[in-house]
Amino acid sequence: MNFLPQLKDVAITHRWGGTLAIPRNWLPGLRLDKLSGVGFLGGYVGEGVAAANLAGRTMADLILERRSDLVSLPWVGVRSRKWEPEPLGWLGVRVSRRFMGAADTSETKKQKTAKLAMRAAHVFGETELSYYLWT
């Protein structure tokens, strides 16, 4: 209640948590369907303020058909496969977090990238993420 001290006497009876607007490959992306005029920007995964600003400027260039450096960034046109239906998605995230926690422990001890981390990223569909992290 540090953020909202006015609510210190209010009983919190419910909570919600889960994956929200996180793409399957954990990479941000944007695309524009010129035919329909519909654009998609998102998947910032914790980098929302800076990424949203850059994505907005990039989308403006796409809409106005400007040939800027922004429209050639690697996140333009990125698509991620859909998440598995629940509860499989939830289970996959839980298992992958355990794998990655074990990998973090290994990396802390050995001071090098854990093979478990690379394998887990591949198994759990984060091959693009593993490419950016471990190459």
N, C-alpha and C. Protein backbone atom coordinates (compact mmCIF):
# COMPACT_ATOMS: atom_id res chain seq x y z
N MET A 1 0.81 -1.20 0.00
CA MET A 1 0.00 0.00 0.00
C MET A 1 0.85 1.27 0.00
N ASN A 2 2.14 1.14 -0.26
CA ASN A 2 2.99 2.33 -0.31
C ASN A 2 2.56 3.28 -1.42
N PHE A 3 2.06 2.74 -2.54
CA PHE A 3 1.66 3.58 -3.66
C PHE A 3 0.32 4.26 -3.42
N LEU A 4 -0.58 3.59 -2.74
CA LEU A 4 -1.93 4.12 -2.50
C LEU A 4 -2.30 4.01 -1.03
N PRO A 5 -1.71 4.85 -0.19
CA PRO A 5 -1.98 4.76 1.25
C PRO A 5 -3.45 4.99 1.59
N GLN A 6 -4.19 5.64 0.70
CA GLN A 6 -5.61 5.89 0.94
C GLN A 6 -6.39 4.58 1.01
N LEU A 7 -5.83 3.52 0.47
CA LEU A 7 -6.53 2.23 0.44
C LEU A 7 -6.10 1.28 1.56
N LYS A 8 -5.38 1.79 2.55
CA LYS A 8 -4.86 0.91 3.59
C LYS A 8 -5.95 0.14 4.35
N ASP A 9 -7.15 0.69 4.43
CA ASP A 9 -8.24 0.01 5.14
C ASP A 9 -9.18 -0.75 4.22
N VAL A 10 -8.86 -0.79 2.94
CA VAL A 10 -9.71 -1.49 1.97
C VAL A 10 -9.20 -2.92 1.82
N ALA A 11 -10.10 -3.88 1.96
CA ALA A 11 -9.72 -5.28 1.80
C ALA A 11 -9.54 -5.61 0.32
N ILE A 12 -8.41 -6.20 -0.01
CA ILE A 12 -8.16 -6.65 -1.38
C ILE A 12 -8.63 -8.10 -1.44
N THR A 13 -9.67 -8.36 -2.20
CA THR A 13 -10.26 -9.70 -2.22
C THR A 13 -9.89 -10.51 -3.45
N HIS A 14 -9.42 -9.85 -4.51
CA HIS A 14 -9.10 -10.56 -5.74
C HIS A 14 -7.79 -10.03 -6.31
N ARG A 15 -7.17 -10.85 -7.11
CA ARG A 15 -5.98 -10.40 -7.82
C ARG A 15 -5.95 -11.10 -9.17
N TRP A 16 -5.20 -10.55 -10.07
CA TRP A 16 -5.05 -11.16 -11.39
C TRP A 16 -3.58 -11.09 -11.76
N GLY A 17 -3.13 -12.09 -12.45
CA GLY A 17 -1.77 -12.10 -12.95
C GLY A 17 -1.70 -13.01 -14.16
N GLY A 18 -0.73 -12.79 -14.96
CA GLY A 18 -0.57 -13.65 -16.12
C GLY A 18 0.07 -12.94 -17.29
N THR A 19 0.19 -13.67 -18.35
CA THR A 19 0.79 -13.13 -19.56
C THR A 19 -0.19 -12.18 -20.22
N LEU A 20 0.26 -10.97 -20.49
CA LEU A 20 -0.58 -9.98 -21.13
C LEU A 20 0.23 -9.29 -22.21
N ALA A 21 -0.18 -9.47 -23.44
CA ALA A 21 0.44 -8.78 -24.57
C ALA A 21 1.92 -9.11 -24.72
N ILE A 22 2.29 -10.30 -24.33
CA ILE A 22 3.67 -10.75 -24.52
C ILE A 22 3.68 -11.73 -25.68
N PRO A 23 4.41 -11.39 -26.75
CA PRO A 23 4.42 -12.31 -27.89
C PRO A 23 5.15 -13.60 -27.57
N ARG A 24 4.84 -14.63 -28.30
CA ARG A 24 5.40 -15.96 -28.06
C ARG A 24 6.93 -15.95 -28.17
N ASN A 25 7.47 -15.12 -29.07
CA ASN A 25 8.93 -15.08 -29.24
C ASN A 25 9.60 -14.02 -28.37
N TRP A 26 8.83 -13.34 -27.54
CA TRP A 26 9.31 -12.32 -26.61
C TRP A 26 10.00 -11.16 -27.32
N LEU A 27 9.67 -10.92 -28.57
CA LEU A 27 10.27 -9.82 -29.32
C LEU A 27 9.21 -8.81 -29.71
N PRO A 28 9.51 -7.52 -29.60
CA PRO A 28 8.55 -6.52 -30.05
C PRO A 28 8.44 -6.54 -31.57
N GLY A 29 7.35 -6.03 -32.06
CA GLY A 29 7.18 -5.97 -33.51
C GLY A 29 6.12 -4.97 -33.91
N LEU A 30 6.16 -4.60 -35.17
CA LEU A 30 5.12 -3.76 -35.71
C LEU A 30 4.95 -4.10 -37.18
N ARG A 31 3.72 -3.95 -37.62
CA ARG A 31 3.43 -4.21 -39.03
C ARG A 31 2.20 -3.40 -39.42
N LEU A 32 2.11 -3.16 -40.71
CA LEU A 32 1.00 -2.39 -41.25
C LEU A 32 0.41 -3.17 -42.42
N ASP A 33 -0.89 -3.41 -42.35
CA ASP A 33 -1.60 -4.01 -43.47
C ASP A 33 -2.11 -2.84 -44.32
N LYS A 34 -1.42 -2.59 -45.42
CA LYS A 34 -1.77 -1.43 -46.25
C LYS A 34 -3.16 -1.56 -46.85
N LEU A 35 -3.60 -2.77 -47.10
CA LEU A 35 -4.91 -2.98 -47.71
C LEU A 35 -6.04 -2.54 -46.77
N SER A 36 -5.95 -2.96 -45.51
CA SER A 36 -7.01 -2.61 -44.55
C SER A 36 -6.72 -1.32 -43.80
N GLY A 37 -5.45 -0.91 -43.78
CA GLY A 37 -5.06 0.27 -43.02
C GLY A 37 -4.88 -0.01 -41.54
N VAL A 38 -4.91 -1.27 -41.16
CA VAL A 38 -4.76 -1.65 -39.75
C VAL A 38 -3.29 -1.88 -39.44
N GLY A 39 -2.85 -1.27 -38.35
CA GLY A 39 -1.47 -1.45 -37.91
C GLY A 39 -1.42 -2.13 -36.56
N PHE A 40 -0.32 -2.82 -36.30
CA PHE A 40 -0.09 -3.48 -35.02
C PHE A 40 1.25 -3.00 -34.50
N LEU A 41 1.28 -2.60 -33.26
CA LEU A 41 2.51 -2.24 -32.57
C LEU A 41 2.44 -2.86 -31.20
N GLY A 42 3.45 -3.55 -30.76
CA GLY A 42 3.39 -4.11 -29.42
C GLY A 42 4.43 -5.15 -29.13
N GLY A 43 4.20 -5.82 -28.01
CA GLY A 43 5.12 -6.86 -27.57
C GLY A 43 6.38 -6.29 -26.96
N TYR A 44 6.29 -5.16 -26.30
CA TYR A 44 7.48 -4.47 -25.81
C TYR A 44 8.15 -5.17 -24.63
N VAL A 45 7.45 -6.02 -23.93
CA VAL A 45 7.99 -6.85 -22.84
C VAL A 45 8.90 -6.06 -21.90
N GLY A 46 8.33 -5.04 -21.28
CA GLY A 46 9.07 -4.28 -20.28
C GLY A 46 9.83 -3.08 -20.81
N GLU A 47 9.81 -2.86 -22.09
CA GLU A 47 10.51 -1.72 -22.69
C GLU A 47 9.52 -0.74 -23.30
N GLY A 48 8.33 -0.65 -22.72
CA GLY A 48 7.21 0.05 -23.34
C GLY A 48 7.40 1.51 -23.65
N VAL A 49 7.95 2.30 -22.75
CA VAL A 49 8.02 3.74 -22.97
C VAL A 49 8.90 4.07 -24.16
N ALA A 50 10.13 3.61 -24.14
CA ALA A 50 11.05 3.91 -25.24
C ALA A 50 10.63 3.21 -26.52
N ALA A 51 10.25 1.95 -26.41
CA ALA A 51 9.88 1.18 -27.61
C ALA A 51 8.61 1.72 -28.25
N ALA A 52 7.64 2.14 -27.45
CA ALA A 52 6.40 2.67 -28.01
C ALA A 52 6.65 3.96 -28.78
N ASN A 53 7.55 4.78 -28.27
CA ASN A 53 7.89 6.02 -28.97
C ASN A 53 8.52 5.70 -30.33
N LEU A 54 9.49 4.81 -30.33
CA LEU A 54 10.16 4.42 -31.58
C LEU A 54 9.19 3.73 -32.53
N ALA A 55 8.35 2.86 -32.00
CA ALA A 55 7.36 2.15 -32.83
C ALA A 55 6.38 3.14 -33.44
N GLY A 56 5.95 4.13 -32.68
CA GLY A 56 5.03 5.13 -33.21
C GLY A 56 5.63 5.92 -34.35
N ARG A 57 6.89 6.32 -34.20
CA ARG A 57 7.56 7.05 -35.28
C ARG A 57 7.76 6.16 -36.50
N THR A 58 8.07 4.89 -36.25
CA THR A 58 8.24 3.95 -37.36
C THR A 58 6.92 3.73 -38.08
N MET A 59 5.84 3.55 -37.32
CA MET A 59 4.53 3.34 -37.94
C MET A 59 4.12 4.57 -38.76
N ALA A 60 4.41 5.76 -38.26
CA ALA A 60 4.09 6.97 -39.02
C ALA A 60 4.80 6.95 -40.37
N ASP A 61 6.06 6.54 -40.38
CA ASP A 61 6.80 6.45 -41.64
C ASP A 61 6.21 5.38 -42.55
N LEU A 62 5.78 4.26 -41.99
CA LEU A 62 5.15 3.22 -42.81
C LEU A 62 3.84 3.72 -43.42
N ILE A 63 3.03 4.38 -42.63
CA ILE A 63 1.74 4.89 -43.12
C ILE A 63 1.95 5.93 -44.22
N LEU A 64 2.92 6.82 -43.99
CA LEU A 64 3.18 7.89 -44.96
C LEU A 64 4.11 7.44 -46.09
N GLU A 65 4.48 6.17 -46.06
CA GLU A 65 5.35 5.56 -47.08
C GLU A 65 6.68 6.30 -47.24
N ARG A 66 7.24 6.71 -46.11
CA ARG A 66 8.56 7.33 -46.10
C ARG A 66 9.61 6.23 -46.09
N ARG A 67 10.66 6.38 -46.84
CA ARG A 67 11.74 5.40 -46.87
C ARG A 67 12.82 5.85 -45.87
N SER A 68 12.53 5.73 -44.60
CA SER A 68 13.46 6.16 -43.56
C SER A 68 14.24 4.95 -43.03
N ASP A 69 15.26 5.25 -42.24
CA ASP A 69 16.01 4.17 -41.58
C ASP A 69 15.09 3.38 -40.66
N LEU A 70 14.09 4.03 -40.09
CA LEU A 70 13.19 3.36 -39.14
C LEU A 70 12.45 2.19 -39.78
N VAL A 71 12.00 2.35 -41.02
CA VAL A 71 11.19 1.29 -41.64
C VAL A 71 12.02 0.07 -42.02
N SER A 72 13.35 0.18 -41.91
CA SER A 72 14.19 -0.99 -42.19
C SER A 72 14.70 -1.66 -40.92
N LEU A 73 14.21 -1.23 -39.77
CA LEU A 73 14.61 -1.88 -38.51
C LEU A 73 14.09 -3.31 -38.48
N PRO A 74 14.82 -4.22 -37.81
CA PRO A 74 14.46 -5.64 -37.86
C PRO A 74 13.12 -6.00 -37.23
N TRP A 75 12.52 -5.13 -36.45
CA TRP A 75 11.23 -5.47 -35.84
C TRP A 75 10.05 -5.14 -36.74
N VAL A 76 10.28 -4.50 -37.87
CA VAL A 76 9.20 -4.20 -38.82
C VAL A 76 8.80 -5.48 -39.53
N GLY A 77 7.54 -5.83 -39.44
CA GLY A 77 7.02 -7.03 -40.09
C GLY A 77 7.17 -8.30 -39.29
N VAL A 78 7.71 -8.21 -38.06
CA VAL A 78 7.90 -9.40 -37.23
C VAL A 78 6.55 -10.00 -36.85
N ARG A 79 6.45 -11.29 -36.97
CA ARG A 79 5.26 -12.02 -36.52
C ARG A 79 5.71 -13.10 -35.54
N SER A 80 4.91 -13.33 -34.57
CA SER A 80 5.19 -14.37 -33.58
C SER A 80 4.09 -15.42 -33.67
N ARG A 81 4.47 -16.67 -33.46
CA ARG A 81 3.41 -17.68 -33.48
C ARG A 81 2.52 -17.51 -32.25
N LYS A 82 1.33 -18.04 -32.34
CA LYS A 82 0.35 -17.90 -31.26
C LYS A 82 0.75 -18.77 -30.07
N TRP A 83 0.34 -18.31 -28.89
CA TRP A 83 0.53 -19.10 -27.68
C TRP A 83 -0.36 -20.34 -27.73
N GLU A 84 0.07 -21.36 -27.05
CA GLU A 84 -0.74 -22.57 -26.92
C GLU A 84 -1.98 -22.24 -26.09
N PRO A 85 -3.05 -23.00 -26.27
CA PRO A 85 -4.25 -22.74 -25.46
C PRO A 85 -3.99 -23.03 -23.98
N GLU A 86 -4.69 -22.33 -23.13
CA GLU A 86 -4.56 -22.56 -21.68
C GLU A 86 -5.18 -23.90 -21.32
N PRO A 87 -4.62 -24.59 -20.38
CA PRO A 87 -3.54 -24.20 -19.48
C PRO A 87 -2.15 -24.55 -20.01
N LEU A 88 -2.04 -24.98 -21.26
CA LEU A 88 -0.72 -25.35 -21.79
C LEU A 88 0.24 -24.17 -21.82
N GLY A 89 -0.26 -22.99 -22.18
CA GLY A 89 0.59 -21.80 -22.19
C GLY A 89 1.14 -21.51 -20.81
N TRP A 90 0.25 -21.55 -19.81
CA TRP A 90 0.65 -21.30 -18.43
C TRP A 90 1.70 -22.31 -17.99
N LEU A 91 1.46 -23.58 -18.29
CA LEU A 91 2.39 -24.64 -17.90
C LEU A 91 3.74 -24.44 -18.59
N GLY A 92 3.72 -24.10 -19.86
CA GLY A 92 4.97 -23.88 -20.60
C GLY A 92 5.78 -22.74 -20.02
N VAL A 93 5.12 -21.66 -19.65
CA VAL A 93 5.82 -20.52 -19.05
C VAL A 93 6.41 -20.92 -17.71
N ARG A 94 5.65 -21.65 -16.90
CA ARG A 94 6.15 -22.10 -15.59
C ARG A 94 7.39 -22.99 -15.73
N VAL A 95 7.30 -23.95 -16.63
CA VAL A 95 8.42 -24.88 -16.82
C VAL A 95 9.64 -24.13 -17.37
N SER A 96 9.42 -23.25 -18.35
CA SER A 96 10.55 -22.53 -18.92
C SER A 96 11.20 -21.62 -17.89
N ARG A 97 10.42 -21.02 -17.00
CA ARG A 97 11.01 -20.17 -15.95
C ARG A 97 11.86 -21.00 -14.99
N ARG A 98 11.43 -22.22 -14.71
CA ARG A 98 12.25 -23.09 -13.84
C ARG A 98 13.56 -23.45 -14.53
N PHE A 99 13.46 -23.80 -15.82
CA PHE A 99 14.67 -24.11 -16.59
C PHE A 99 15.62 -22.92 -16.57
N MET A 100 15.09 -21.73 -16.84
CA MET A 100 15.93 -20.55 -16.91
C MET A 100 16.49 -20.18 -15.53
N GLY A 101 15.73 -20.44 -14.47
CA GLY A 101 16.26 -20.22 -13.12
C GLY A 101 17.44 -21.12 -12.84
N ALA A 102 17.32 -22.39 -13.25
CA ALA A 102 18.44 -23.33 -13.09
C ALA A 102 19.62 -22.89 -13.94
N ALA A 103 19.35 -22.38 -15.13
CA ALA A 103 20.42 -21.89 -16.00
C ALA A 103 21.11 -20.69 -15.36
N ASP A 104 20.34 -19.78 -14.77
CA ASP A 104 20.93 -18.62 -14.09
C ASP A 104 21.86 -19.06 -12.97
N THR A 105 21.43 -20.04 -12.20
CA THR A 105 22.25 -20.56 -11.11
C THR A 105 23.55 -21.13 -11.65
N SER A 106 23.45 -21.91 -12.72
CA SER A 106 24.64 -22.49 -13.35
C SER A 106 25.58 -21.41 -13.87
N GLU A 107 25.01 -20.40 -14.52
CA GLU A 107 25.84 -19.32 -15.08
C GLU A 107 26.54 -18.53 -13.99
N THR A 108 25.86 -18.34 -12.86
CA THR A 108 26.47 -17.62 -11.74
C THR A 108 27.67 -18.40 -11.20
N LYS A 109 27.53 -19.71 -11.11
CA LYS A 109 28.62 -20.55 -10.59
C LYS A 109 29.77 -20.66 -11.59
N LYS A 110 29.45 -20.88 -12.86
CA LYS A 110 30.48 -21.16 -13.87
C LYS A 110 30.96 -19.93 -14.63
N GLN A 111 30.24 -18.82 -14.50
CA GLN A 111 30.58 -17.58 -15.21
C GLN A 111 30.64 -17.74 -16.72
N LYS A 112 29.73 -18.55 -17.26
CA LYS A 112 29.61 -18.67 -18.72
C LYS A 112 28.18 -19.07 -19.05
N THR A 113 27.79 -18.86 -20.30
CA THR A 113 26.43 -19.16 -20.73
C THR A 113 26.13 -20.64 -20.55
N ALA A 114 25.03 -20.93 -19.90
CA ALA A 114 24.64 -22.32 -19.64
C ALA A 114 24.05 -22.95 -20.90
N LYS A 115 24.49 -24.16 -21.19
CA LYS A 115 23.91 -24.90 -22.32
C LYS A 115 22.42 -25.12 -22.07
N LEU A 116 22.05 -25.29 -20.82
CA LEU A 116 20.64 -25.47 -20.46
C LEU A 116 19.81 -24.26 -20.91
N ALA A 117 20.36 -23.07 -20.80
CA ALA A 117 19.63 -21.86 -21.21
C ALA A 117 19.38 -21.86 -22.71
N MET A 118 20.39 -22.21 -23.48
CA MET A 118 20.23 -22.23 -24.93
C MET A 118 19.24 -23.31 -25.35
N ARG A 119 19.34 -24.48 -24.72
CA ARG A 119 18.42 -25.57 -25.06
C ARG A 119 16.99 -25.21 -24.65
N ALA A 120 16.82 -24.64 -23.47
CA ALA A 120 15.47 -24.26 -23.01
C ALA A 120 14.86 -23.21 -23.94
N ALA A 121 15.66 -22.24 -24.34
CA ALA A 121 15.16 -21.21 -25.25
C ALA A 121 14.71 -21.83 -26.56
N HIS A 122 15.45 -22.79 -27.05
CA HIS A 122 15.07 -23.46 -28.30
C HIS A 122 13.81 -24.31 -28.11
N VAL A 123 13.78 -25.09 -27.05
CA VAL A 123 12.64 -25.97 -26.78
C VAL A 123 11.36 -25.18 -26.58
N PHE A 124 11.45 -24.06 -25.88
CA PHE A 124 10.26 -23.30 -25.56
C PHE A 124 9.93 -22.23 -26.59
N GLY A 125 10.54 -22.33 -27.75
CA GLY A 125 10.15 -21.47 -28.85
C GLY A 125 10.72 -20.08 -28.83
N GLU A 126 11.79 -19.88 -28.13
CA GLU A 126 12.39 -18.56 -28.05
C GLU A 126 13.68 -18.52 -28.85
N THR A 127 13.70 -19.13 -30.02
CA THR A 127 14.93 -19.20 -30.80
C THR A 127 15.39 -17.82 -31.24
N GLU A 128 14.46 -16.93 -31.58
CA GLU A 128 14.86 -15.58 -31.96
C GLU A 128 15.49 -14.86 -30.77
N LEU A 129 14.89 -15.03 -29.59
CA LEU A 129 15.43 -14.42 -28.39
C LEU A 129 16.81 -14.96 -28.10
N SER A 130 16.98 -16.27 -28.21
CA SER A 130 18.29 -16.86 -27.92
C SER A 130 19.32 -16.36 -28.92
N TYR A 131 18.90 -16.10 -30.15
CA TYR A 131 19.82 -15.56 -31.15
C TYR A 131 20.36 -14.21 -30.69
N TYR A 132 19.46 -13.33 -30.21
CA TYR A 132 19.90 -12.01 -29.79
C TYR A 132 20.72 -12.06 -28.50
N LEU A 133 20.41 -13.00 -27.62
CA LEU A 133 21.11 -13.06 -26.34
C LEU A 133 22.46 -13.76 -26.40
N TRP A 134 22.57 -14.77 -27.24
CA TRP A 134 23.77 -15.60 -27.16
C TRP A 134 24.63 -15.63 -28.41
N THR A 135 24.44 -14.69 -29.31
CA THR A 135 25.33 -14.65 -30.47
C THR A 135 26.18 -13.42 -30.43
